[in-house]
Structures are given as C-alpha cells and as structure tokens.
C-alpha cells in the first residue's frame, strides 16, 4: 500500500471514529445525568437529661459587639440543651433601642453557659440574655 493510500485510510478511520462520537453525543445529551443521593446524617452520640427546667434572664452592661458573655454558676451540666436569645436594654425595658442585638454559639459547660452577643453597635450597650433549657 502506498503512503498516500495509508494516509487516506488513516484519515477515513479517524473520521469514522470522530463521526461516531459526534453522532452519539446529542443522543446522550437529552438523557438526565444521575444525581448522587444525599447521605443521611449519622448519629454519633445521644444523651438523655433528667435535669430540672431552666428559665432565666440576666442583664449585662458594657457589652461590645461580638463579645462572649459567660454565666458562671448556671444550674447546668455540659452539653445540656439550652437556647439563648438577647435583646437591648435593661430589665423590664428590653428591646427599646435601635441596635440589632442577637445571640449565637451557645455553649453549655459544667455550671456555666457561654453566649456570643452581637450588637451591631460601635459602643458598649446594655443587653439582656434569656436562657431556656431542660
């Protein structure tokens, strides 16, 4: 076989292969791509509590934005379920200001609760934190 015939045969073969890819491309484009099923969360620990319920409001002055407030002596044990919310003001006059006050990252330790308080304010404020738990 001459070199020119080999070249034509090679190019024709490549054309068939490329043509097969191009022909099969659009047919598979219409098919849905299988999506991986989301994995379910895995329970790694569980704890039951027989503690008495907790409901307490404590007010603090001089709280800066992003400050962590710790209530020492709280009647709790580590990892006990406790929720905390925060508001601007002093006892019996809460929520009266213009600051956007909220609590986050509640951490329960043995006899202590830590809460990060955001005020969105450039100066220290008076803030009340409400603790509720089991």
C-alpha atoms as a PDB file:
ATOM      1  CA  UNK A   1       0.000   0.000   0.000  1.00  0.00           C
ATOM      2  CA  UNK A   2       1.331   3.403  -0.895  1.00  0.00           C
ATOM      3  CA  UNK A   3       1.940   6.110   1.649  1.00  0.00           C
ATOM      4  CA  UNK A   4      -0.840   8.262   0.194  1.00  0.00           C
ATOM      5  CA  UNK A   5      -3.332   5.379   0.448  1.00  0.00           C
ATOM      6  CA  UNK A   6      -2.305   4.730   4.060  1.00  0.00           C
ATOM      7  CA  UNK A   7      -2.864   8.398   4.854  1.00  0.00           C
ATOM      8  CA  UNK A   8      -6.332   8.364   3.257  1.00  0.00           C
ATOM      9  CA  UNK A   9      -7.221   5.142   5.105  1.00  0.00           C
ATOM     10  CA  UNK A  10      -5.983   6.601   8.386  1.00  0.00           C
ATOM     11  CA  UNK A  11      -7.929   9.823   7.911  1.00  0.00           C
ATOM     12  CA  UNK A  12     -11.075   7.918   6.924  1.00  0.00           C
ATOM     13  CA  UNK A  13     -10.744   5.758  10.034  1.00  0.00           C
ATOM     14  CA  UNK A  14     -10.343   8.825  12.221  1.00  0.00           C
ATOM     15  CA  UNK A  15     -13.363  10.368  10.526  1.00  0.00           C
ATOM     16  CA  UNK A  16     -15.489   7.329  11.369  1.00  0.00           C
ATOM     17  CA  UNK A  17     -14.375   7.391  14.967  1.00  0.00           C
ATOM     18  CA  UNK A  18     -14.967  11.140  15.252  1.00  0.00           C
ATOM     19  CA  UNK A  19     -18.297  10.766  13.478  1.00  0.00           C
ATOM     20  CA  UNK A  20     -19.386   8.088  15.914  1.00  0.00           C
ATOM     21  CA  UNK A  21     -18.560  10.354  18.816  1.00  0.00           C
ATOM     22  CA  UNK A  22     -20.424  13.245  17.262  1.00  0.00           C
ATOM     23  CA  UNK A  23     -23.451  11.111  16.423  1.00  0.00           C
ATOM     24  CA  UNK A  24     -23.623   9.594  19.870  1.00  0.00           C
ATOM     25  CA  UNK A  25     -23.092  12.956  21.605  1.00  0.00           C
ATOM     26  CA  UNK A  26     -26.532  14.559  21.069  1.00  0.00           C
ATOM     27  CA  UNK A  27     -28.389  11.332  21.849  1.00  0.00           C
ATOM     28  CA  UNK A  28     -26.845  11.164  25.300  1.00  0.00           C
ATOM     29  CA  UNK A  29     -27.228  14.919  25.885  1.00  0.00           C
ATOM     30  CA  UNK A  30     -31.001  14.557  26.267  1.00  0.00           C
ATOM     31  CA  UNK A  31     -30.686  11.901  28.934  1.00  0.00           C
ATOM     32  CA  UNK A  32     -30.700  13.046  32.544  1.00  0.00           C
ATOM     33  CA  UNK A  33     -27.463  12.800  34.439  1.00  0.00           C
ATOM     34  CA  UNK A  34     -27.962  10.658  37.526  1.00  0.00           C
ATOM     35  CA  UNK A  35     -27.585  12.730  40.694  1.00  0.00           C
ATOM     36  CA  UNK A  36     -25.955  11.242  43.740  1.00  0.00           C
ATOM     37  CA  UNK A  37     -28.401  10.681  46.542  1.00  0.00           C
ATOM     38  CA  UNK A  38     -27.611  12.830  49.577  1.00  0.00           C
ATOM     39  CA  UNK A  39     -26.236  10.934  52.518  1.00  0.00           C
ATOM     40  CA  UNK A  40     -28.258  10.918  55.701  1.00  0.00           C
ATOM     41  CA  UNK A  41     -26.640  12.408  58.798  1.00  0.00           C
ATOM     42  CA  UNK A  42     -25.108   9.861  61.131  1.00  0.00           C
ATOM     43  CA  UNK A  43     -25.973   9.954  64.822  1.00  0.00           C
ATOM     44  CA  UNK A  44     -22.704   9.800  66.731  1.00  0.00           C
ATOM     45  CA  UNK A  45     -23.863  10.405  70.297  1.00  0.00           C
ATOM     46  CA  UNK A  46     -27.043  10.726  72.296  1.00  0.00           C
ATOM     47  CA  UNK A  47     -27.723  11.872  75.832  1.00  0.00           C
ATOM     48  CA  UNK A  48     -30.895  11.982  77.908  1.00  0.00           C
ATOM     49  CA  UNK A  49     -31.399  14.543  80.648  1.00  0.00           C
ATOM     50  CA  UNK A  50     -33.362  14.399  83.852  1.00  0.00           C
ATOM     51  CA  UNK A  51     -32.404  17.914  84.925  1.00  0.00           C
ATOM     52  CA  UNK A  52     -34.942  20.465  86.049  1.00  0.00           C
ATOM     53  CA  UNK A  53     -36.049  23.054  83.530  1.00  0.00           C
ATOM     54  CA  UNK A  54     -34.113  26.301  83.209  1.00  0.00           C
ATOM     55  CA  UNK A  55     -35.602  29.735  82.549  1.00  0.00           C
ATOM     56  CA  UNK A  56     -33.521  32.774  83.433  1.00  0.00           C
ATOM     57  CA  UNK A  57     -32.942  36.355  82.251  1.00  0.00           C
ATOM     58  CA  UNK A  58     -29.684  38.111  83.102  1.00  0.00           C
ATOM     59  CA  UNK A  59     -28.834  41.683  82.079  1.00  0.00           C
ATOM     60  CA  UNK A  60     -25.303  42.946  81.442  1.00  0.00           C
ATOM     61  CA  UNK A  61     -23.916  46.452  80.895  1.00  0.00           C
ATOM     62  CA  UNK A  62     -20.921  47.432  78.777  1.00  0.00           C
ATOM     63  CA  UNK A  63     -21.387  44.662  76.188  1.00  0.00           C
ATOM     64  CA  UNK A  64     -19.369  45.146  72.982  1.00  0.00           C
ATOM     65  CA  UNK A  65     -20.235  43.706  69.564  1.00  0.00           C
ATOM     66  CA  UNK A  66     -19.118  40.066  69.282  1.00  0.00           C
ATOM     67  CA  UNK A  67     -18.333  39.726  72.986  1.00  0.00           C
ATOM     68  CA  UNK A  68     -18.662  36.352  74.718  1.00  0.00           C
ATOM     69  CA  UNK A  69     -20.761  36.554  77.884  1.00  0.00           C
ATOM     70  CA  UNK A  70     -20.328  33.747  80.417  1.00  0.00           C
ATOM     71  CA  UNK A  71     -22.882  32.968  83.120  1.00  0.00           C
ATOM     72  CA  UNK A  72     -20.868  31.258  85.834  1.00  0.00           C
ATOM     73  CA  UNK A  73     -22.817  29.221  88.361  1.00  0.00           C
ATOM     74  CA  UNK A  74     -25.593  28.306  85.941  1.00  0.00           C
ATOM     75  CA  UNK A  75     -27.536  25.207  87.067  1.00  0.00           C
ATOM     76  CA  UNK A  76     -26.461  23.124  84.041  1.00  0.00           C
ATOM     77  CA  UNK A  77     -24.207  20.243  83.054  1.00  0.00           C
ATOM     78  CA  UNK A  78     -22.016  20.074  79.953  1.00  0.00           C
ATOM     79  CA  UNK A  79     -23.937  19.653  76.683  1.00  0.00           C
ATOM     80  CA  UNK A  80     -27.326  20.148  78.333  1.00  0.00           C
ATOM     81  CA  UNK A  81     -29.808  21.603  75.799  1.00  0.00           C
ATOM     82  CA  UNK A  82     -30.032  25.367  76.353  1.00  0.00           C
ATOM     83  CA  UNK A  83     -31.195  28.105  73.985  1.00  0.00           C
ATOM     84  CA  UNK A  84     -30.289  31.760  74.422  1.00  0.00           C
ATOM     85  CA  UNK A  85     -31.649  34.967  72.941  1.00  0.00           C
ATOM     86  CA  UNK A  86     -30.566  38.540  73.510  1.00  0.00           C
ATOM     87  CA  UNK A  87     -32.190  41.957  73.470  1.00  0.00           C
ATOM     88  CA  UNK A  88     -31.051  45.513  74.042  1.00  0.00           C
ATOM     89  CA  UNK A  89     -31.989  47.277  77.241  1.00  0.00           C
ATOM     90  CA  UNK A  90     -32.237  46.660  80.944  1.00  0.00           C
ATOM     91  CA  UNK A  91     -34.596  44.503  82.967  1.00  0.00           C
ATOM     92  CA  UNK A  92     -38.254  45.469  82.335  1.00  0.00           C
ATOM     93  CA  UNK A  93     -37.230  47.827  79.481  1.00  0.00           C
ATOM     94  CA  UNK A  94     -35.816  45.453  76.890  1.00  0.00           C
ATOM     95  CA  UNK A  95     -35.825  45.811  73.120  1.00  0.00           C
ATOM     96  CA  UNK A  96     -36.207  49.572  73.212  1.00  0.00           C
ATOM     97  CA  UNK A  97     -33.113  50.537  71.224  1.00  0.00           C
ATOM     98  CA  UNK A  98     -32.008  50.748  67.598  1.00  0.00           C
ATOM     99  CA  UNK A  99     -29.258  48.129  67.784  1.00  0.00           C
ATOM    100  CA  UNK A 100     -29.598  44.784  66.039  1.00  0.00           C
ATOM    101  CA  UNK A 101     -28.897  42.512  69.030  1.00  0.00           C
ATOM    102  CA  UNK A 102     -28.747  38.724  68.768  1.00  0.00           C
ATOM    103  CA  UNK A 103     -27.081  35.760  70.463  1.00  0.00           C
ATOM    104  CA  UNK A 104     -25.239  32.883  68.812  1.00  0.00           C
ATOM    105  CA  UNK A 105     -22.899  29.983  69.593  1.00  0.00           C
ATOM    106  CA  UNK A 106     -24.433  28.996  72.905  1.00  0.00           C
ATOM    107  CA  UNK A 107     -22.011  26.671  74.690  1.00  0.00           C
ATOM    108  CA  UNK A 108     -23.030  24.765  77.810  1.00  0.00           C
ATOM    109  CA  UNK A 109     -20.301  23.692  80.218  1.00  0.00           C
ATOM    110  CA  UNK A 110     -20.490  22.303  83.750  1.00  0.00           C
ATOM    111  CA  UNK A 111     -22.059  25.148  85.799  1.00  0.00           C
ATOM    112  CA  UNK A 112     -21.543  27.746  83.037  1.00  0.00           C
ATOM    113  CA  UNK A 113     -23.168  28.947  79.803  1.00  0.00           C
ATOM    114  CA  UNK A 114     -21.272  30.976  77.198  1.00  0.00           C
ATOM    115  CA  UNK A 115     -23.054  33.057  74.550  1.00  0.00           C
ATOM    116  CA  UNK A 116     -21.569  35.312  71.864  1.00  0.00           C
ATOM    117  CA  UNK A 117     -23.616  38.516  71.672  1.00  0.00           C
ATOM    118  CA  UNK A 118     -23.703  40.728  68.599  1.00  0.00           C
ATOM    119  CA  UNK A 119     -24.962  44.278  68.914  1.00  0.00           C
ATOM    120  CA  UNK A 120     -24.016  45.808  65.575  1.00  0.00           C
ATOM    121  CA  UNK A 121     -23.201  48.934  67.563  1.00  0.00           C
ATOM    122  CA  UNK A 122     -19.950  50.859  67.834  1.00  0.00           C
ATOM    123  CA  UNK A 123     -20.201  51.474  71.573  1.00  0.00           C
ATOM    124  CA  UNK A 124     -20.897  49.237  74.567  1.00  0.00           C
ATOM    125  CA  UNK A 125     -24.598  48.580  75.255  1.00  0.00           C
ATOM    126  CA  UNK A 126     -26.788  47.146  77.983  1.00  0.00           C
ATOM    127  CA  UNK A 127     -28.014  43.709  76.923  1.00  0.00           C
ATOM    128  CA  UNK A 128     -30.316  41.101  78.471  1.00  0.00           C
ATOM    129  CA  UNK A 129     -29.793  37.418  77.698  1.00  0.00           C
ATOM    130  CA  UNK A 130     -32.676  34.968  78.062  1.00  0.00           C
ATOM    131  CA  UNK A 131     -31.742  31.356  78.798  1.00  0.00           C
ATOM    132  CA  UNK A 132     -34.204  28.498  78.337  1.00  0.00           C
ATOM    133  CA  UNK A 133     -33.338  24.844  78.712  1.00  0.00           C
ATOM    134  CA  UNK A 134     -34.281  21.449  80.032  1.00  0.00           C
END
